[in-house]
Amino acid sequence: MSTLDEKRLLAQIATLYYTDGIKQTDIAKRLSLSQSFVSRALTRCISEGIVRINVIPPSNIFLELEQQLQKHFSLSQVIVVNSTDRDEQFHIQQAIGSASAYYLQVSLQAGQLIGISAWSDTIKAMVDTVSPLNIKAKGVVQLLGGVGVNGNVEANLSTYTLAQKLNCESYLLPSQSLNATEDMNYKKQLISTPEVAKVVALFEQIDCAIVGIGCLEPSPLLKKSGIYYSAEMKDRLQAQGAVGDICLHYFDRYGNPVLNEDEDPVIGIELSLLKKCPRVVALAGGKEKAEAIKSALLGGYIDVLIIDKQTAQLLIN
């Protein structure tokens, strides 16, 4: 316990620093102390209760909920955006996209290789919102085949646009992500082509992967593109316990893949490889996706989760 004289000095230093806004170096000169003494004194002021720091979050900031999710699922970071029961899916996607754009802008390091699973309206909202950056990334790699069965190339456009904003090259995956026949021979043929093989080889080098999380029922974007399984395959996936997907690779309620890699016809980064990626950022929202999101978290695929409040609350209840 400090003596009264020591506490008096600690309180004086704390007042000068926190109330009067005087720099530590100037406090040291004024009181004829070393700067290291002042620094240690400020630390003691907090530990001994002379100074109490209160964080008062602005409205619509959910730090406690973020910390709960982060701890419960062993995540490095969680960002929860505001949502209500009245919000439509479009508004949730826009809110998550905006928060994700800011996260990318402040966290991206120069020279990093970014992977993007661009078949997602939420990821598209992020790409549209990201401001052009001054730093240069190493490249943006498309993690899931960018040509829809119906000729839709929106994923290609999102990949290219993000690369333009990050001042780097885009590596487009010039193939359908899923053939209508779900033929493994077709997949092998495509992966063996030089153009596809070049991009697939980059999957192991990704520094940060940005992905969405889907349900067994395909999203409107995938329906439009024609990228979804046949009714027969969908029944098979459901029978094997599939509840959600990342890059069209489906997993069960515990996050385990429901198809082996040698029977999965999808051309995109495998779940096993995604697990090895240094940082995987998932953009996911909407209460109908709660089970899929929880399962993806249990599978250990995600490091950073950006989600809406209503869905986030379902994950911890």
Protein backbone atom coordinates (compact mmCIF):
# COMPACT_ATOMS: atom_id res chain seq x y z
CA MET A 1 0.00 0.00 0.00
CA SER A 2 1.35 3.47 -0.88
CA THR A 3 2.00 6.03 1.84
CA LEU A 4 -0.08 9.22 1.91
CA ASP A 5 2.79 11.17 0.38
CA GLU A 6 3.09 8.67 -2.45
CA LYS A 7 -0.65 8.84 -3.14
CA ARG A 8 -0.54 12.61 -3.14
CA LEU A 9 2.16 12.55 -5.83
CA LEU A 10 0.30 9.91 -7.84
CA ALA A 11 -2.88 12.00 -7.74
CA GLN A 12 -0.93 15.10 -8.79
CA ILE A 13 0.60 13.31 -11.77
CA ALA A 14 -2.78 11.85 -12.74
CA THR A 15 -4.44 15.27 -12.60
CA LEU A 16 -1.79 16.87 -14.76
CA TYR A 17 -1.98 14.06 -17.32
CA TYR A 18 -5.68 13.19 -17.51
CA THR A 19 -7.35 16.47 -16.50
CA ASP A 20 -4.93 19.11 -17.74
CA GLY A 21 -3.75 17.16 -20.78
CA ILE A 22 -0.04 17.70 -20.12
CA LYS A 23 2.42 15.33 -21.80
CA GLN A 24 4.44 12.91 -19.68
CA THR A 25 7.71 14.56 -20.66
CA ASP A 26 6.43 17.96 -19.53
CA ILE A 27 5.10 16.52 -16.27
CA ALA A 28 8.51 15.01 -15.60
CA LYS A 29 10.21 18.37 -16.14
CA ARG A 30 7.69 20.27 -14.03
CA LEU A 31 7.99 17.86 -11.08
CA SER A 32 11.70 17.09 -11.52
CA LEU A 33 11.00 13.43 -12.14
CA SER A 34 12.15 10.97 -14.79
CA GLN A 35 9.73 10.18 -17.58
CA SER A 36 9.90 6.49 -16.68
CA PHE A 37 8.79 7.37 -13.13
CA VAL A 38 5.82 9.32 -14.51
CA SER A 39 4.86 6.43 -16.79
CA ARG A 40 4.99 3.92 -13.94
CA ALA A 41 3.04 6.30 -11.72
CA LEU A 42 0.22 6.54 -14.26
CA THR A 43 0.06 2.76 -14.43
CA ARG A 44 -0.15 2.60 -10.62
CA CYS A 45 -2.91 5.21 -10.61
CA ILE A 46 -5.09 2.82 -12.60
CA SER A 47 -4.15 -0.33 -10.69
CA GLU A 48 -4.71 1.36 -7.30
CA GLY A 49 -8.02 2.96 -8.27
CA ILE A 50 -6.87 6.58 -8.20
CA VAL A 51 -7.83 6.77 -11.87
CA ARG A 52 -10.79 4.89 -13.26
CA ILE A 53 -11.27 4.73 -17.00
CA ASN A 54 -14.80 4.17 -18.25
CA VAL A 55 -15.49 3.26 -21.87
CA ILE A 56 -18.87 4.62 -22.93
CA PRO A 57 -19.76 3.07 -26.31
CA PRO A 58 -21.83 5.23 -28.68
CA SER A 59 -25.36 4.06 -29.43
CA ASN A 60 -25.69 1.07 -31.75
CA ILE A 61 -22.26 -0.24 -30.74
CA PHE A 62 -22.40 -3.72 -29.17
CA LEU A 63 -19.04 -4.32 -27.50
CA GLU A 64 -20.36 -6.74 -24.88
CA LEU A 65 -22.06 -8.91 -27.49
CA GLU A 66 -18.92 -8.86 -29.63
CA GLN A 67 -16.78 -9.94 -26.68
CA GLN A 68 -19.21 -12.75 -25.82
CA LEU A 69 -19.04 -14.15 -29.34
CA GLN A 70 -15.29 -13.68 -29.53
CA LYS A 71 -14.73 -15.63 -26.32
CA HIS A 72 -17.36 -18.32 -26.95
CA PHE A 73 -16.09 -19.22 -30.43
CA SER A 74 -12.39 -18.35 -29.92
CA LEU A 75 -12.44 -15.66 -32.60
CA SER A 76 -9.80 -12.98 -33.01
CA GLN A 77 -12.42 -10.27 -33.68
CA VAL A 78 -16.17 -9.83 -34.00
CA ILE A 79 -17.96 -6.83 -35.48
CA VAL A 80 -21.70 -6.58 -34.83
CA VAL A 81 -23.75 -4.11 -36.86
CA ASN A 82 -27.14 -2.85 -35.80
CA SER A 83 -30.27 -4.60 -37.01
CA THR A 84 -33.88 -4.97 -35.96
CA ASP A 85 -36.63 -7.50 -36.62
CA ARG A 86 -38.06 -5.09 -39.19
CA ASP A 87 -34.90 -4.89 -41.31
CA GLU A 88 -35.03 -6.54 -44.71
CA GLN A 89 -32.15 -8.74 -45.87
CA PHE A 90 -30.98 -6.04 -48.28
CA HIS A 91 -30.45 -3.53 -45.47
CA ILE A 92 -28.62 -6.11 -43.36
CA GLN A 93 -26.33 -6.89 -46.28
CA GLN A 94 -25.60 -3.21 -46.83
CA ALA A 95 -24.81 -2.64 -43.14
CA ILE A 96 -22.46 -5.64 -42.99
CA GLY A 97 -20.90 -4.64 -46.30
CA SER A 98 -20.19 -1.13 -45.05
CA ALA A 99 -18.64 -2.37 -41.78
CA SER A 100 -16.57 -4.90 -43.72
CA ALA A 101 -15.30 -2.22 -46.09
CA TYR A 102 -14.08 -0.12 -43.16
CA TYR A 103 -12.49 -3.19 -41.53
CA LEU A 104 -10.60 -3.97 -44.73
CA GLN A 105 -9.48 -0.36 -45.16
CA VAL A 106 -7.95 -0.15 -41.68
CA SER A 107 -6.56 -3.69 -41.38
CA LEU A 108 -5.12 -4.40 -44.83
CA GLN A 109 -1.33 -4.38 -44.95
CA ALA A 110 0.67 -3.58 -48.07
CA GLY A 111 1.80 -6.63 -50.01
CA GLN A 112 -0.92 -8.98 -48.73
CA LEU A 113 -2.64 -11.48 -51.02
CA ILE A 114 -6.41 -11.26 -50.61
CA GLY A 115 -8.83 -14.05 -51.45
CA ILE A 116 -12.48 -13.32 -52.14
CA SER A 117 -15.46 -15.61 -52.51
CA ALA A 118 -17.35 -13.16 -54.64
CA TRP A 119 -20.67 -15.00 -55.13
CA SER A 120 -22.29 -13.01 -52.33
CA ASP A 121 -24.51 -9.94 -52.28
CA THR A 122 -22.97 -8.96 -48.93
CA ILE A 123 -19.44 -9.18 -50.31
CA LYS A 124 -20.59 -7.20 -53.35
CA ALA A 125 -21.88 -4.52 -50.94
CA MET A 126 -18.44 -4.47 -49.30
CA VAL A 127 -16.65 -4.13 -52.64
CA ASP A 128 -18.97 -1.30 -53.71
CA THR A 129 -18.33 0.55 -50.43
CA VAL A 130 -14.54 0.16 -50.16
CA SER A 131 -12.70 3.39 -50.94
CA PRO A 132 -9.60 3.24 -53.16
CA LEU A 133 -6.59 2.78 -50.88
CA ASN A 134 -3.14 4.34 -51.00
CA ILE A 135 -1.37 1.08 -50.20
CA LYS A 136 -0.88 -1.69 -52.72
CA ALA A 137 -1.97 -5.27 -52.08
CA LYS A 138 -0.14 -8.19 -53.66
CA GLY A 139 -3.27 -9.29 -55.49
CA VAL A 140 -6.93 -10.30 -55.21
CA VAL A 141 -7.61 -13.99 -55.88
CA GLN A 142 -11.03 -15.36 -56.74
CA LEU A 143 -11.72 -18.30 -54.41
CA LEU A 144 -14.72 -19.75 -56.25
CA GLY A 145 -15.27 -20.23 -59.97
CA GLY A 146 -16.48 -16.94 -61.36
CA VAL A 147 -18.64 -17.98 -64.30
CA GLY A 148 -22.20 -19.01 -63.57
CA VAL A 149 -23.91 -21.82 -65.48
CA ASN A 150 -26.17 -19.14 -66.95
CA GLY A 151 -23.19 -17.08 -68.08
CA ASN A 152 -23.33 -14.75 -65.07
CA VAL A 153 -19.90 -13.20 -64.38
CA GLU A 154 -20.74 -10.94 -61.44
CA ALA A 155 -18.17 -12.66 -59.22
CA ASN A 156 -15.49 -11.82 -61.76
CA LEU A 157 -16.55 -8.18 -61.72
CA SER A 158 -16.42 -7.98 -57.91
CA THR A 159 -12.95 -9.53 -57.85
CA TYR A 160 -11.68 -7.18 -60.54
CA THR A 161 -13.23 -4.10 -58.89
CA LEU A 162 -11.70 -4.88 -55.49
CA ALA A 163 -8.29 -5.37 -57.09
CA GLN A 164 -8.59 -1.98 -58.78
CA LYS A 165 -9.33 -0.35 -55.44
CA LEU A 166 -6.40 -2.14 -53.79
CA ASN A 167 -4.03 -1.10 -56.61
CA CYS A 168 -3.11 -4.65 -57.52
CA GLU A 169 -3.65 -7.43 -60.01
CA SER A 170 -6.78 -9.56 -60.01
CA TYR A 171 -6.52 -13.33 -60.42
CA LEU A 172 -9.85 -14.44 -61.86
CA LEU A 173 -10.85 -18.10 -61.73
CA PRO A 174 -11.97 -18.62 -65.35
CA SER A 175 -14.34 -21.52 -64.85
CA GLN A 176 -17.78 -22.43 -63.67
CA SER A 177 -17.67 -23.14 -59.96
CA LEU A 178 -20.16 -25.97 -60.34
CA ASN A 179 -21.02 -27.88 -63.50
CA ALA A 180 -24.67 -28.68 -64.04
CA THR A 181 -23.80 -32.40 -64.29
CA GLU A 182 -21.81 -32.36 -61.04
CA ASP A 183 -19.24 -34.46 -62.89
CA MET A 184 -15.89 -35.02 -61.12
CA ASN A 185 -14.17 -35.66 -64.46
CA TYR A 186 -15.24 -32.20 -65.60
CA LYS A 187 -13.70 -30.72 -62.47
CA LYS A 188 -10.42 -32.55 -63.04
CA GLN A 189 -10.30 -31.37 -66.65
CA LEU A 190 -10.87 -27.74 -65.68
CA ILE A 191 -8.34 -27.74 -62.84
CA SER A 192 -5.72 -29.22 -65.17
CA THR A 193 -6.00 -26.30 -67.61
CA PRO A 194 -3.13 -23.78 -67.18
CA GLU A 195 -5.44 -20.78 -66.64
CA VAL A 196 -7.34 -22.43 -63.77
CA ALA A 197 -4.32 -24.22 -62.30
CA LYS A 198 -2.45 -20.91 -62.02
CA VAL A 199 -5.17 -19.40 -59.83
CA VAL A 200 -5.80 -22.55 -57.76
CA ALA A 201 -2.08 -22.68 -56.94
CA LEU A 202 -2.41 -19.26 -55.28
CA PHE A 203 -4.94 -20.54 -52.72
CA GLU A 204 -2.15 -21.72 -50.40
CA GLN A 205 -0.58 -18.25 -50.42
CA ILE A 206 -3.65 -16.26 -49.35
CA ASP A 207 -3.00 -13.93 -46.39
CA CYS A 208 -6.63 -12.92 -45.86
CA ALA A 209 -9.70 -14.70 -47.22
CA ILE A 210 -13.03 -12.87 -47.36
CA VAL A 211 -15.94 -15.30 -47.52
CA GLY A 212 -19.68 -15.53 -47.12
CA ILE A 213 -21.62 -18.27 -45.35
CA GLY A 214 -24.57 -19.83 -47.15
CA CYS A 215 -27.49 -22.09 -46.28
CA LEU A 216 -28.53 -25.29 -47.99
CA GLU A 217 -31.05 -23.23 -49.94
CA PRO A 218 -29.17 -21.17 -52.57
CA SER A 219 -29.17 -17.38 -52.37
CA PRO A 220 -30.99 -15.27 -54.99
CA LEU A 221 -27.61 -14.43 -56.58
CA LEU A 222 -26.70 -18.10 -56.96
CA LYS A 223 -30.14 -18.93 -58.31
CA LYS A 224 -29.77 -16.21 -60.91
CA SER A 225 -26.35 -17.50 -61.91
CA GLY A 226 -27.43 -21.13 -62.01
CA ILE A 227 -24.76 -22.16 -59.47
CA TYR A 228 -26.54 -24.59 -57.20
CA TYR A 229 -26.90 -28.31 -56.84
CA SER A 230 -29.58 -30.44 -58.49
CA ALA A 231 -32.55 -31.51 -56.38
CA GLU A 232 -31.08 -35.02 -56.18
CA MET A 233 -27.71 -33.76 -54.90
CA LYS A 234 -29.40 -31.34 -52.53
CA ASP A 235 -31.37 -34.24 -51.02
CA ARG A 236 -28.12 -36.16 -50.63
CA LEU A 237 -26.44 -33.25 -48.88
CA GLN A 238 -29.40 -32.81 -46.57
CA ALA A 239 -29.45 -36.53 -45.77
CA GLN A 240 -25.80 -36.27 -44.78
CA GLY A 241 -26.59 -33.42 -42.40
CA ALA A 242 -25.56 -30.39 -44.44
CA VAL A 243 -26.65 -27.09 -42.89
CA GLY A 244 -24.46 -24.50 -44.64
CA ASP A 245 -21.56 -23.82 -46.94
CA ILE A 246 -18.48 -21.72 -47.54
CA CYS A 247 -17.53 -21.44 -51.21
CA LEU A 248 -20.22 -24.06 -51.94
CA HIS A 249 -18.42 -26.65 -49.81
CA TYR A 250 -21.07 -27.92 -47.41
CA PHE A 251 -20.65 -28.81 -43.73
CA ASP A 252 -22.83 -30.31 -41.02
CA ARG A 253 -23.98 -28.78 -37.72
CA TYR A 254 -20.56 -29.41 -36.19
CA GLY A 255 -18.70 -27.84 -39.11
CA ASN A 256 -17.51 -31.12 -40.60
CA PRO A 257 -17.47 -31.37 -44.43
CA VAL A 258 -20.26 -33.63 -45.73
CA LEU A 259 -18.44 -34.49 -48.96
CA ASN A 260 -14.90 -35.76 -49.32
CA GLU A 261 -12.67 -33.66 -51.55
CA ASP A 262 -12.57 -36.46 -54.14
CA GLU A 263 -16.37 -36.42 -54.47
CA ASP A 264 -16.97 -32.66 -54.25
CA PRO A 265 -17.42 -31.21 -57.78
CA VAL A 266 -17.03 -27.57 -56.75
CA ILE A 267 -14.06 -25.61 -58.12
CA GLY A 268 -13.02 -23.35 -55.28
CA ILE A 269 -10.83 -23.24 -52.20
CA GLU A 270 -11.36 -26.35 -50.07
CA LEU A 271 -12.49 -26.13 -46.45
CA SER A 272 -9.32 -27.88 -45.30
CA LEU A 273 -7.19 -25.26 -47.03
CA LEU A 274 -9.34 -22.42 -45.72
CA LYS A 275 -8.61 -23.63 -42.20
CA LYS A 276 -4.90 -23.08 -42.81
CA CYS A 277 -5.35 -19.51 -44.05
CA PRO A 278 -3.82 -16.97 -41.60
CA ARG A 279 -6.98 -14.85 -41.51
CA VAL A 280 -10.49 -15.72 -42.70
CA VAL A 281 -13.07 -12.94 -42.53
CA ALA A 282 -16.70 -14.06 -42.78
CA LEU A 283 -19.47 -11.67 -43.78
CA ALA A 284 -22.79 -13.22 -42.79
CA GLY A 285 -26.17 -12.02 -41.58
CA GLY A 286 -29.87 -12.79 -41.48
CA LYS A 287 -31.57 -14.98 -38.89
CA GLU A 288 -32.19 -17.75 -41.42
CA LYS A 289 -28.40 -18.23 -41.56
CA ALA A 290 -27.88 -18.54 -37.80
CA GLU A 291 -27.44 -22.32 -37.81
CA ALA A 292 -25.07 -22.24 -40.78
CA ILE A 293 -22.97 -19.47 -39.21
CA LYS A 294 -22.77 -21.26 -35.87
CA SER A 295 -21.70 -24.48 -37.59
CA ALA A 296 -19.01 -22.67 -39.58
CA LEU A 297 -17.69 -21.22 -36.32
CA LEU A 298 -17.69 -24.63 -34.65
CA GLY A 299 -15.77 -25.97 -37.63
CA GLY A 300 -12.97 -23.50 -36.93
CA TYR A 301 -12.98 -21.91 -40.38
CA ILE A 302 -13.44 -18.31 -39.26
CA ASP A 303 -11.13 -15.83 -37.53
CA VAL A 304 -13.10 -12.60 -37.92
CA LEU A 305 -16.90 -12.49 -38.01
CA ILE A 306 -18.91 -9.49 -39.23
CA ILE A 307 -22.57 -10.04 -38.47
CA ASP A 308 -25.83 -8.27 -37.62
CA LYS A 309 -27.13 -7.92 -34.06
CA GLN A 310 -30.28 -10.05 -34.39
CA THR A 311 -28.37 -13.01 -35.82
CA ALA A 312 -25.47 -12.56 -33.39
CA GLN A 313 -27.82 -12.87 -30.43
CA LEU A 314 -29.12 -16.19 -31.75
CA LEU A 315 -25.60 -17.62 -31.73
CA ILE A 316 -25.19 -17.28 -27.97
CA ASN A 317 -28.74 -18.20 -26.88
